[in-house]
Amino acid sequence: MTSATTPPPVVGVVGGGRMGAGIAQSFASAGSRVVVVERDGSAAAAAMERITKGLRQAAERETPAGPSDPDTPDRVAVVSSIAELPHHTDLIVEAVPEVAALKAELLAAAEDVVHDGCVLASNTSSLSVTELATVLRRPGRFLGMHFFNPVPVSGLVELVLAPDTTEATRAAAVRWTHALGKQDVVVKDSPGFASSRLGLALGLEAIRMLEEGVADPEAIDTAMHLGYRHPMGPLRLTDVVGLDVRLAIADHLHSTLGERFAPPRLLREKVARGELGRKTGQGFYQWQ
């Protein structure tokens, strides 16, 4: 991405949770200087620990997401205020929870800090990019960059274009995606985009089948894993994504696309019990 005489690009990542940390790790490994924004000092320290651990694990696996040189961790800084983002930041990726008002607030605050040429992106998996753009003074430089979990080893970024997104912004996002060694798919803004809409439809039907006693989770997942060559079955994938995340997306698509996305009762019950999948140790499977 850079040469010896060209300073590295600067990427801001707003939110240092699992997704934000993975995004930050990926950009740092590709040669960018990365500044992660978290809400306070303790959250910032936790974010840095996630990124450092991810870099160490990637290096041990010898994957493309591993450090390209020993200085990779030194290219990452974590701060506790959007005001601390460098004015010359080239790209900002917002990666906070799927709450539209929170995302809009942080995107508007980031726009006030950086220069006019900075590309702004949201990592939303289902919210309207068009609506998020309404809070910005320059909506043409904004789009969705939907990364997939785990970010460092995932090969895809879904680029979501709002009506005002400029061709220059789209082209810049494609270049950023390719610089990470990932493939882009470009879609128009629509509820659930392409990936979440199709993935959720399969996941919800698998949960309904479980409710109806059609088969146990392992059998349902094996049918899709071996029969259709999916990397993992829809119930195991729901555990990895998080049942609470899947429920939030389902509620959103239910309200925008109709009854075919109505969340199954079993999904609501598990979320209410705190059985959120891998992150809590219990979902449709037990996790260590």
C-alpha atoms as a PDB file:
ATOM      1  CA  MET A   1       0.000   0.000   0.000  1.00  0.00           C
ATOM      2  CA  THR A   2       2.876   2.363   0.662  1.00  0.00           C
ATOM      3  CA  SER A   3       6.447   2.983  -0.428  1.00  0.00           C
ATOM      4  CA  ALA A   4       9.482   4.100   1.512  1.00  0.00           C
ATOM      5  CA  THR A   5       8.826   7.724   0.549  1.00  0.00           C
ATOM      6  CA  THR A   6       5.032   7.730   0.927  1.00  0.00           C
ATOM      7  CA  PRO A   7       3.509   7.977   4.389  1.00  0.00           C
ATOM      8  CA  PRO A   8       1.131   5.135   5.220  1.00  0.00           C
ATOM      9  CA  PRO A   9      -2.609   5.755   4.872  1.00  0.00           C
ATOM     10  CA  VAL A  10      -4.436   6.627   8.088  1.00  0.00           C
ATOM     11  CA  VAL A  11      -7.585   4.663   8.940  1.00  0.00           C
ATOM     12  CA  GLY A  12      -9.914   5.476  11.817  1.00  0.00           C
ATOM     13  CA  VAL A  13     -12.054   2.711  13.300  1.00  0.00           C
ATOM     14  CA  VAL A  14     -14.872   3.865  15.576  1.00  0.00           C
ATOM     15  CA  GLY A  15     -15.598   1.013  17.945  1.00  0.00           C
ATOM     16  CA  GLY A  16     -13.096  -1.551  19.204  1.00  0.00           C
ATOM     17  CA  GLY A  17     -15.300  -4.587  19.827  1.00  0.00           C
ATOM     18  CA  ARG A  18     -14.848  -7.894  18.023  1.00  0.00           C
ATOM     19  CA  MET A  19     -15.663  -6.466  14.586  1.00  0.00           C
ATOM     20  CA  GLY A  20     -13.852  -3.160  15.080  1.00  0.00           C
ATOM     21  CA  ALA A  21     -10.750  -4.893  16.413  1.00  0.00           C
ATOM     22  CA  GLY A  22     -10.737  -7.245  13.440  1.00  0.00           C
ATOM     23  CA  ILE A  23     -11.075  -4.338  11.008  1.00  0.00           C
ATOM     24  CA  ALA A  24      -8.256  -2.473  12.737  1.00  0.00           C
ATOM     25  CA  GLN A  25      -6.029  -5.573  12.699  1.00  0.00           C
ATOM     26  CA  SER A  26      -6.628  -6.075   8.981  1.00  0.00           C
ATOM     27  CA  PHE A  27      -5.766  -2.507   8.021  1.00  0.00           C
ATOM     28  CA  ALA A  28      -2.665  -2.463  10.232  1.00  0.00           C
ATOM     29  CA  SER A  29      -1.456  -5.717   8.708  1.00  0.00           C
ATOM     30  CA  ALA A  30      -1.923  -4.199   5.244  1.00  0.00           C
ATOM     31  CA  GLY A  31       0.353  -1.284   6.152  1.00  0.00           C
ATOM     32  CA  SER A  32      -2.016   1.454   7.310  1.00  0.00           C
ATOM     33  CA  ARG A  33      -1.658   3.506  10.443  1.00  0.00           C
ATOM     34  CA  VAL A  34      -4.826   2.788  12.451  1.00  0.00           C
ATOM     35  CA  VAL A  35      -6.489   4.851  15.170  1.00  0.00           C
ATOM     36  CA  VAL A  36      -9.300   3.088  17.051  1.00  0.00           C
ATOM     37  CA  VAL A  37     -11.845   5.129  19.026  1.00  0.00           C
ATOM     38  CA  GLU A  38     -13.491   3.628  22.108  1.00  0.00           C
ATOM     39  CA  ARG A  39     -15.826   5.186  24.649  1.00  0.00           C
ATOM     40  CA  ASP A  40     -13.410   5.421  27.598  1.00  0.00           C
ATOM     41  CA  GLY A  41     -10.003   4.390  28.847  1.00  0.00           C
ATOM     42  CA  SER A  42     -10.940   0.907  30.029  1.00  0.00           C
ATOM     43  CA  ALA A  43     -12.749   0.090  26.781  1.00  0.00           C
ATOM     44  CA  ALA A  44      -9.761   1.435  24.839  1.00  0.00           C
ATOM     45  CA  ALA A  45      -7.411  -0.866  26.754  1.00  0.00           C
ATOM     46  CA  ALA A  46      -9.677  -3.852  26.071  1.00  0.00           C
ATOM     47  CA  ALA A  47      -9.760  -2.980  22.365  1.00  0.00           C
ATOM     48  CA  MET A  48      -5.966  -2.833  22.198  1.00  0.00           C
ATOM     49  CA  GLU A  49      -5.763  -6.224  23.882  1.00  0.00           C
ATOM     50  CA  ARG A  50      -8.137  -7.712  21.267  1.00  0.00           C
ATOM     51  CA  ILE A  51      -6.071  -6.311  18.417  1.00  0.00           C
ATOM     52  CA  THR A  52      -2.753  -7.448  19.909  1.00  0.00           C
ATOM     53  CA  LYS A  53      -4.139 -10.929  20.556  1.00  0.00           C
ATOM     54  CA  GLY A  54      -5.514 -11.106  17.017  1.00  0.00           C
ATOM     55  CA  LEU A  55      -2.180 -10.133  15.508  1.00  0.00           C
ATOM     56  CA  ARG A  56      -0.392 -12.721  17.623  1.00  0.00           C
ATOM     57  CA  GLN A  57      -2.834 -15.489  16.670  1.00  0.00           C
ATOM     58  CA  ALA A  58      -2.661 -14.562  12.990  1.00  0.00           C
ATOM     59  CA  ALA A  59       1.122 -14.704  13.069  1.00  0.00           C
ATOM     60  CA  GLU A  60       0.979 -18.140  14.696  1.00  0.00           C
ATOM     61  CA  ARG A  61      -1.367 -19.360  11.947  1.00  0.00           C
ATOM     62  CA  GLU A  62       0.871 -17.769   9.295  1.00  0.00           C
ATOM     63  CA  THR A  63      -2.179 -16.316   7.535  1.00  0.00           C
ATOM     64  CA  PRO A  64      -2.192 -13.264   5.237  1.00  0.00           C
ATOM     65  CA  ALA A  65      -3.699 -11.337   8.144  1.00  0.00           C
ATOM     66  CA  GLY A  66      -0.536 -11.829  10.200  1.00  0.00           C
ATOM     67  CA  PRO A  67       1.926  -8.989  10.713  1.00  0.00           C
ATOM     68  CA  SER A  68       3.916  -8.187   7.580  1.00  0.00           C
ATOM     69  CA  ASP A  69       6.723  -6.886   9.800  1.00  0.00           C
ATOM     70  CA  PRO A  70       7.477  -6.621  13.537  1.00  0.00           C
ATOM     71  CA  ASP A  71       6.284  -3.004  13.610  1.00  0.00           C
ATOM     72  CA  THR A  72       2.658  -3.846  12.790  1.00  0.00           C
ATOM     73  CA  PRO A  73       1.380  -3.449  16.392  1.00  0.00           C
ATOM     74  CA  ASP A  74       3.136  -0.081  16.570  1.00  0.00           C
ATOM     75  CA  ARG A  75       0.927   1.165  13.747  1.00  0.00           C
ATOM     76  CA  VAL A  76      -2.164   0.868  15.981  1.00  0.00           C
ATOM     77  CA  ALA A  77      -3.263   3.467  18.533  1.00  0.00           C
ATOM     78  CA  VAL A  78      -6.437   3.431  20.605  1.00  0.00           C
ATOM     79  CA  VAL A  79      -8.019   6.661  21.862  1.00  0.00           C
ATOM     80  CA  SER A  80     -11.142   7.441  23.863  1.00  0.00           C
ATOM     81  CA  SER A  81     -12.524  10.386  21.878  1.00  0.00           C
ATOM     82  CA  ILE A  82     -13.450  11.000  18.249  1.00  0.00           C
ATOM     83  CA  ALA A  83     -11.827  14.423  18.631  1.00  0.00           C
ATOM     84  CA  GLU A  84      -8.471  12.603  18.823  1.00  0.00           C
ATOM     85  CA  LEU A  85      -8.765  11.259  15.266  1.00  0.00           C
ATOM     86  CA  PRO A  86      -6.101  12.838  13.025  1.00  0.00           C
ATOM     87  CA  HIS A  87      -7.439  15.535  10.705  1.00  0.00           C
ATOM     88  CA  HIS A  88      -5.607  13.859   7.797  1.00  0.00           C
ATOM     89  CA  THR A  89      -7.391  10.502   8.257  1.00  0.00           C
ATOM     90  CA  ASP A  90      -8.044   8.900   4.848  1.00  0.00           C
ATOM     91  CA  LEU A  91     -10.826   6.471   5.786  1.00  0.00           C
ATOM     92  CA  ILE A  92     -13.126   6.097   8.778  1.00  0.00           C
ATOM     93  CA  VAL A  93     -15.033   2.857   9.394  1.00  0.00           C
ATOM     94  CA  GLU A  94     -17.733   3.038  12.062  1.00  0.00           C
ATOM     95  CA  ALA A  95     -18.142  -0.363  13.772  1.00  0.00           C
ATOM     96  CA  VAL A  96     -20.391   0.164  16.800  1.00  0.00           C
ATOM     97  CA  PRO A  97     -23.548  -1.872  17.645  1.00  0.00           C
ATOM     98  CA  GLU A  98     -26.531  -1.856  15.265  1.00  0.00           C
ATOM     99  CA  VAL A  99     -28.254   1.182  16.770  1.00  0.00           C
ATOM    100  CA  ALA A 100     -29.048   3.723  14.065  1.00  0.00           C
ATOM    101  CA  ALA A 101     -29.063   6.775  16.347  1.00  0.00           C
ATOM    102  CA  LEU A 102     -25.678   5.854  17.831  1.00  0.00           C
ATOM    103  CA  LYS A 103     -24.115   5.248  14.423  1.00  0.00           C
ATOM    104  CA  ALA A 104     -25.494   8.525  13.052  1.00  0.00           C
ATOM    105  CA  GLU A 105     -24.215  10.486  16.051  1.00  0.00           C
ATOM    106  CA  LEU A 106     -20.694   9.091  15.764  1.00  0.00           C
ATOM    107  CA  LEU A 107     -20.498   9.483  11.987  1.00  0.00           C
ATOM    108  CA  ALA A 108     -21.551  13.127  12.224  1.00  0.00           C
ATOM    109  CA  ALA A 109     -18.971  13.735  14.958  1.00  0.00           C
ATOM    110  CA  ALA A 110     -16.231  12.090  12.893  1.00  0.00           C
ATOM    111  CA  GLU A 111     -17.088  14.193   9.858  1.00  0.00           C
ATOM    112  CA  ASP A 112     -16.460  17.323  11.906  1.00  0.00           C
ATOM    113  CA  VAL A 113     -12.911  16.193  12.735  1.00  0.00           C
ATOM    114  CA  VAL A 114     -11.471  14.985   9.416  1.00  0.00           C
ATOM    115  CA  HIS A 115     -10.736  16.699   6.118  1.00  0.00           C
ATOM    116  CA  ASP A 116     -13.204  16.833   3.227  1.00  0.00           C
ATOM    117  CA  GLY A 117     -11.431  14.117   1.251  1.00  0.00           C
ATOM    118  CA  CYS A 118     -11.846  11.447   3.928  1.00  0.00           C
ATOM    119  CA  VAL A 119     -14.150   8.530   3.022  1.00  0.00           C
ATOM    120  CA  LEU A 120     -16.702   7.664   5.703  1.00  0.00           C
ATOM    121  CA  ALA A 121     -18.116   4.155   5.992  1.00  0.00           C
ATOM    122  CA  SER A 122     -20.430   2.196   8.267  1.00  0.00           C
ATOM    123  CA  ASN A 123     -19.930  -1.479   9.011  1.00  0.00           C
ATOM    124  CA  THR A 124     -23.687  -1.935   9.441  1.00  0.00           C
ATOM    125  CA  SER A 125     -25.029  -5.348   8.418  1.00  0.00           C
ATOM    126  CA  SER A 126     -28.633  -4.276   7.874  1.00  0.00           C
ATOM    127  CA  LEU A 127     -29.421  -0.613   8.680  1.00  0.00           C
ATOM    128  CA  SER A 128     -30.247   1.849   5.914  1.00  0.00           C
ATOM    129  CA  VAL A 129     -27.094   3.506   4.613  1.00  0.00           C
ATOM    130  CA  THR A 130     -29.333   6.100   2.942  1.00  0.00           C
ATOM    131  CA  GLU A 131     -30.827   7.132   6.288  1.00  0.00           C
ATOM    132  CA  LEU A 132     -27.431   7.240   8.014  1.00  0.00           C
ATOM    133  CA  ALA A 133     -26.167   9.547   5.261  1.00  0.00           C
ATOM    134  CA  THR A 134     -28.801  12.185   6.084  1.00  0.00           C
ATOM    135  CA  VAL A 135     -26.802  13.378   9.120  1.00  0.00           C
ATOM    136  CA  LEU A 136     -23.728  14.181   7.022  1.00  0.00           C
ATOM    137  CA  ARG A 137     -22.868  17.474   5.362  1.00  0.00           C
ATOM    138  CA  ARG A 138     -21.205  15.632   2.470  1.00  0.00           C
ATOM    139  CA  PRO A 139     -23.231  12.406   1.985  1.00  0.00           C
ATOM    140  CA  GLY A 140     -21.492  11.680  -1.311  1.00  0.00           C
ATOM    141  CA  ARG A 141     -18.356  10.476   0.501  1.00  0.00           C
ATOM    142  CA  PHE A 142     -20.283   7.927   2.581  1.00  0.00           C
ATOM    143  CA  LEU A 143     -21.158   4.267   1.976  1.00  0.00           C
ATOM    144  CA  GLY A 144     -21.520   0.963   3.773  1.00  0.00           C
ATOM    145  CA  MET A 145     -18.494  -1.304   4.154  1.00  0.00           C
ATOM    146  CA  HIS A 146     -19.933  -4.518   5.578  1.00  0.00           C
ATOM    147  CA  PHE A 147     -17.128  -6.721   6.885  1.00  0.00           C
ATOM    148  CA  PHE A 148     -17.635 -10.335   7.938  1.00  0.00           C
ATOM    149  CA  ASN A 149     -16.653 -12.118  11.121  1.00  0.00           C
ATOM    150  CA  PRO A 150     -13.856 -13.030  11.705  1.00  0.00           C
ATOM    151  CA  VAL A 151     -12.621 -10.054   9.713  1.00  0.00           C
ATOM    152  CA  PRO A 152      -8.908 -10.951   9.372  1.00  0.00           C
ATOM    153  CA  VAL A 153      -9.596 -14.267   7.595  1.00  0.00           C
ATOM    154  CA  SER A 154     -12.856 -13.413   5.807  1.00  0.00           C
ATOM    155  CA  GLY A 155     -12.405 -12.847   2.072  1.00  0.00           C
ATOM    156  CA  LEU A 156     -15.366 -10.518   1.449  1.00  0.00           C
ATOM    157  CA  VAL A 157     -16.432  -6.916   1.972  1.00  0.00           C
ATOM    158  CA  GLU A 158     -19.951  -5.934   0.899  1.00  0.00           C
ATOM    159  CA  LEU A 159     -19.965  -2.329  -0.355  1.00  0.00           C
ATOM    160  CA  VAL A 160     -23.378  -0.696   0.015  1.00  0.00           C
ATOM    161  CA  LEU A 161     -24.124   2.388  -2.067  1.00  0.00           C
ATOM    162  CA  ALA A 162     -26.631   5.046  -1.048  1.00  0.00           C
ATOM    163  CA  PRO A 163     -28.213   7.208  -3.786  1.00  0.00           C
ATOM    164  CA  ASP A 164     -25.787  10.067  -3.037  1.00  0.00           C
ATOM    165  CA  THR A 165     -22.622   7.938  -2.890  1.00  0.00           C
ATOM    166  CA  THR A 166     -20.261   9.265  -5.556  1.00  0.00           C
ATOM    167  CA  GLU A 167     -18.382   7.158  -8.080  1.00  0.00           C
ATOM    168  CA  ALA A 168     -15.123   8.404  -6.557  1.00  0.00           C
ATOM    169  CA  THR A 169     -16.212   7.112  -3.136  1.00  0.00           C
ATOM    170  CA  ARG A 170     -17.191   3.730  -4.585  1.00  0.00           C
ATOM    171  CA  ALA A 171     -13.861   3.441  -6.390  1.00  0.00           C
ATOM    172  CA  ALA A 172     -11.930   4.382  -3.248  1.00  0.00           C
ATOM    173  CA  ALA A 173     -13.779   1.741  -1.219  1.00  0.00           C
ATOM    174  CA  VAL A 174     -12.976  -0.893  -3.839  1.00  0.00           C
ATOM    175  CA  ARG A 175      -9.283   0.058  -3.637  1.00  0.00           C
ATOM    176  CA  TRP A 176      -9.322  -0.150   0.162  1.00  0.00           C
ATOM    177  CA  THR A 177     -10.978  -3.580  -0.047  1.00  0.00           C
ATOM    178  CA  HIS A 178      -8.442  -4.919  -2.539  1.00  0.00           C
ATOM    179  CA  ALA A 179      -5.558  -3.515  -0.469  1.00  0.00           C
ATOM    180  CA  LEU A 180      -6.749  -5.804   2.341  1.00  0.00           C
ATOM    181  CA  GLY A 181      -6.604  -8.778  -0.016  1.00  0.00           C
ATOM    182  CA  LYS A 182     -10.401  -9.106   0.031  1.00  0.00           C
ATOM    183  CA  GLN A 183     -13.037  -9.325  -2.705  1.00  0.00           C
ATOM    184  CA  ASP A 184     -15.721  -6.666  -2.992  1.00  0.00           C
ATOM    185  CA  VAL A 185     -19.370  -7.083  -3.925  1.00  0.00           C
ATOM    186  CA  VAL A 186     -21.206  -3.832  -4.679  1.00  0.00           C
ATOM    187  CA  VAL A 187     -24.921  -3.602  -3.890  1.00  0.00           C
ATOM    188  CA  LYS A 188     -27.543  -0.880  -3.710  1.00  0.00           C
ATOM    189  CA  ASP A 189     -28.912   0.109  -0.326  1.00  0.00           C
ATOM    190  CA  SER A 190     -31.809  -2.196   0.518  1.00  0.00           C
ATOM    191  CA  PRO A 191     -32.979  -3.802   3.782  1.00  0.00           C
ATOM    192  CA  GLY A 192     -30.426  -6.457   4.712  1.00  0.00           C
ATOM    193  CA  PHE A 193     -28.416  -5.762   1.550  1.00  0.00           C
ATOM    194  CA  ALA A 194     -27.558  -9.054  -0.195  1.00  0.00           C
ATOM    195  CA  SER A 195     -25.600 -11.013   2.399  1.00  0.00           C
ATOM    196  CA  SER A 196     -27.617 -10.417   5.567  1.00  0.00           C
ATOM    197  CA  ARG A 197     -30.937 -10.828   3.778  1.00  0.00           C
ATOM    198  CA  LEU A 198     -30.066 -14.195   2.260  1.00  0.00           C
ATOM    199  CA  GLY A 199     -28.091 -15.449   5.246  1.00  0.00           C
ATOM    200  CA  LEU A 200     -30.834 -14.523   7.696  1.00  0.00           C
ATOM    201  CA  ALA A 201     -33.558 -16.181   5.609  1.00  0.00           C
ATOM    202  CA  LEU A 202     -31.656 -19.472   5.810  1.00  0.00           C
ATOM    203  CA  GLY A 203     -30.882 -19.059   9.505  1.00  0.00           C
ATOM    204  CA  LEU A 204     -34.474 -18.281  10.505  1.00  0.00           C
ATOM    205  CA  GLU A 205     -35.809 -21.272   8.581  1.00  0.00           C
ATOM    206  CA  ALA A 206     -33.270 -23.528  10.312  1.00  0.00           C
ATOM    207  CA  ILE A 207     -34.507 -22.259  13.701  1.00  0.00           C
ATOM    208  CA  ARG A 208     -38.128 -22.913  12.687  1.00  0.00           C
ATOM    209  CA  MET A 209     -37.178 -26.458  11.674  1.00  0.00           C
ATOM    210  CA  LEU A 210     -35.604 -26.938  15.098  1.00  0.00           C
ATOM    211  CA  GLU A 211     -38.779 -25.626  16.763  1.00  0.00           C
ATOM    212  CA  GLU A 212     -40.874 -28.085  14.756  1.00  0.00           C
ATOM    213  CA  GLY A 213     -38.661 -31.035  15.685  1.00  0.00           C
ATOM    214  CA  VAL A 214     -37.629 -31.739  12.093  1.00  0.00           C
ATOM    215  CA  ALA A 215     -34.089 -32.590  13.189  1.00  0.00           C
ATOM    216  CA  ASP A 216     -31.503 -31.709  15.810  1.00  0.00           C
ATOM    217  CA  PRO A 217     -29.052 -28.807  15.277  1.00  0.00           C
ATOM    218  CA  GLU A 218     -26.172 -31.051  14.195  1.00  0.00           C
ATOM    219  CA  ALA A 219     -28.280 -32.763  11.526  1.00  0.00           C
ATOM    220  CA  ILE A 220     -29.611 -29.481  10.129  1.00  0.00           C
ATOM    221  CA  ASP A 221     -26.148 -27.991   9.983  1.00  0.00           C
ATOM    222  CA  THR A 222     -24.543 -31.098   8.485  1.00  0.00           C
ATOM    223  CA  ALA A 223     -27.163 -31.125   5.724  1.00  0.00           C
ATOM    224  CA  MET A 224     -26.055 -27.656   4.611  1.00  0.00           C
ATOM    225  CA  HIS A 225     -22.356 -28.167   5.331  1.00  0.00           C
ATOM    226  CA  LEU A 226     -21.933 -31.390   3.370  1.00  0.00           C
ATOM    227  CA  GLY A 227     -24.955 -31.250   1.078  1.00  0.00           C
ATOM    228  CA  TYR A 228     -24.489 -27.650  -0.092  1.00  0.00           C
ATOM    229  CA  ARG A 229     -20.808 -27.127   0.790  1.00  0.00           C
ATOM    230  CA  HIS A 230     -21.465 -24.298   3.222  1.00  0.00           C
ATOM    231  CA  PRO A 231     -18.412 -23.694   5.460  1.00  0.00           C
ATOM    232  CA  MET A 232     -20.674 -24.231   8.466  1.00  0.00           C
ATOM    233  CA  GLY A 233     -24.369 -24.828   9.023  1.00  0.00           C
ATOM    234  CA  PRO A 234     -26.882 -22.002   9.659  1.00  0.00           C
ATOM    235  CA  LEU A 235     -27.364 -22.743  13.372  1.00  0.00           C
ATOM    236  CA  ARG A 236     -23.651 -22.896  14.136  1.00  0.00           C
ATOM    237  CA  LEU A 237     -23.193 -19.703  12.129  1.00  0.00           C
ATOM    238  CA  THR A 238     -25.935 -18.038  14.175  1.00  0.00           C
ATOM    239  CA  ASP A 239     -24.008 -18.978  17.320  1.00  0.00           C
ATOM    240  CA  VAL A 240     -20.851 -17.420  15.868  1.00  0.00           C
ATOM    241  CA  VAL A 241     -22.601 -14.217  14.765  1.00  0.00           C
ATOM    242  CA  GLY A 242     -24.573 -13.952  18.013  1.00  0.00           C
ATOM    243  CA  LEU A 243     -28.236 -14.734  18.550  1.00  0.00           C
ATOM    244  CA  ASP A 244     -28.851 -11.182  19.755  1.00  0.00           C
ATOM    245  CA  VAL A 245     -27.325  -9.796  16.561  1.00  0.00           C
ATOM    246  CA  ARG A 246     -29.441 -12.117  14.426  1.00  0.00           C
ATOM    247  CA  LEU A 247     -32.575 -11.149  16.363  1.00  0.00           C
ATOM    248  CA  ALA A 248     -31.925  -7.427  15.881  1.00  0.00           C
ATOM    249  CA  ILE A 249     -31.483  -7.905  12.133  1.00  0.00           C
ATOM    250  CA  ALA A 250     -34.595 -10.079  11.961  1.00  0.00           C
ATOM    251  CA  ASP A 251     -36.664  -7.457  13.773  1.00  0.00           C
ATOM    252  CA  HIS A 252     -35.437  -4.805  11.335  1.00  0.00           C
ATOM    253  CA  LEU A 253     -36.163  -6.906   8.237  1.00  0.00           C
ATOM    254  CA  HIS A 254     -39.518  -7.982   9.663  1.00  0.00           C
ATOM    255  CA  SER A 255     -40.530  -4.324   9.938  1.00  0.00           C
ATOM    256  CA  THR A 256     -39.296  -3.466   6.434  1.00  0.00           C
ATOM    257  CA  LEU A 257     -39.808  -6.621   4.356  1.00  0.00           C
ATOM    258  CA  GLY A 258     -42.720  -8.368   6.055  1.00  0.00           C
ATOM    259  CA  GLU A 259     -43.705 -11.594   7.759  1.00  0.00           C
ATOM    260  CA  ARG A 260     -41.178 -13.850   6.048  1.00  0.00           C
ATOM    261  CA  PHE A 261     -38.567 -12.383   8.394  1.00  0.00           C
ATOM    262  CA  ALA A 262     -40.619 -12.697  11.603  1.00  0.00           C
ATOM    263  CA  PRO A 263     -38.234 -13.967  14.319  1.00  0.00           C
ATOM    264  CA  PRO A 264     -39.079 -17.491  15.566  1.00  0.00           C
ATOM    265  CA  ARG A 265     -40.226 -17.818  19.172  1.00  0.00           C
ATOM    266  CA  LEU A 266     -37.216 -20.027  19.989  1.00  0.00           C
ATOM    267  CA  LEU A 267     -34.806 -17.273  18.950  1.00  0.00           C
ATOM    268  CA  ARG A 268     -36.516 -14.718  21.211  1.00  0.00           C
ATOM    269  CA  GLU A 269     -36.552 -17.146  24.128  1.00  0.00           C
ATOM    270  CA  LYS A 270     -32.859 -17.933  23.859  1.00  0.00           C
ATOM    271  CA  VAL A 271     -31.904 -14.258  23.671  1.00  0.00           C
ATOM    272  CA  ALA A 272     -34.107 -13.525  26.697  1.00  0.00           C
ATOM    273  CA  ARG A 273     -32.261 -16.271  28.640  1.00  0.00           C
ATOM    274  CA  GLY A 274     -28.893 -14.819  27.655  1.00  0.00           C
ATOM    275  CA  GLU A 275     -28.021 -17.760  25.398  1.00  0.00           C
ATOM    276  CA  LEU A 276     -26.364 -15.637  22.745  1.00  0.00           C
ATOM    277  CA  GLY A 277     -24.052 -18.203  21.170  1.00  0.00           C
ATOM    278  CA  ARG A 278     -20.287 -18.552  21.276  1.00  0.00           C
ATOM    279  CA  LYS A 279     -19.706 -15.305  23.196  1.00  0.00           C
ATOM    280  CA  THR A 280     -21.752 -16.555  26.175  1.00  0.00           C
ATOM    281  CA  GLY A 281     -20.848 -20.247  25.889  1.00  0.00           C
ATOM    282  CA  GLN A 282     -24.367 -21.364  25.014  1.00  0.00           C
ATOM    283  CA  GLY A 283     -26.571 -20.921  21.970  1.00  0.00           C
ATOM    284  CA  PHE A 284     -27.768 -23.744  19.777  1.00  0.00           C
ATOM    285  CA  TYR A 285     -24.522 -25.433  20.835  1.00  0.00           C
ATOM    286  CA  GLN A 286     -22.354 -25.420  23.930  1.00  0.00           C
ATOM    287  CA  TRP A 287     -19.048 -23.624  23.454  1.00  0.00           C
ATOM    288  CA  GLN A 288     -15.859 -23.802  25.486  1.00  0.00           C
END
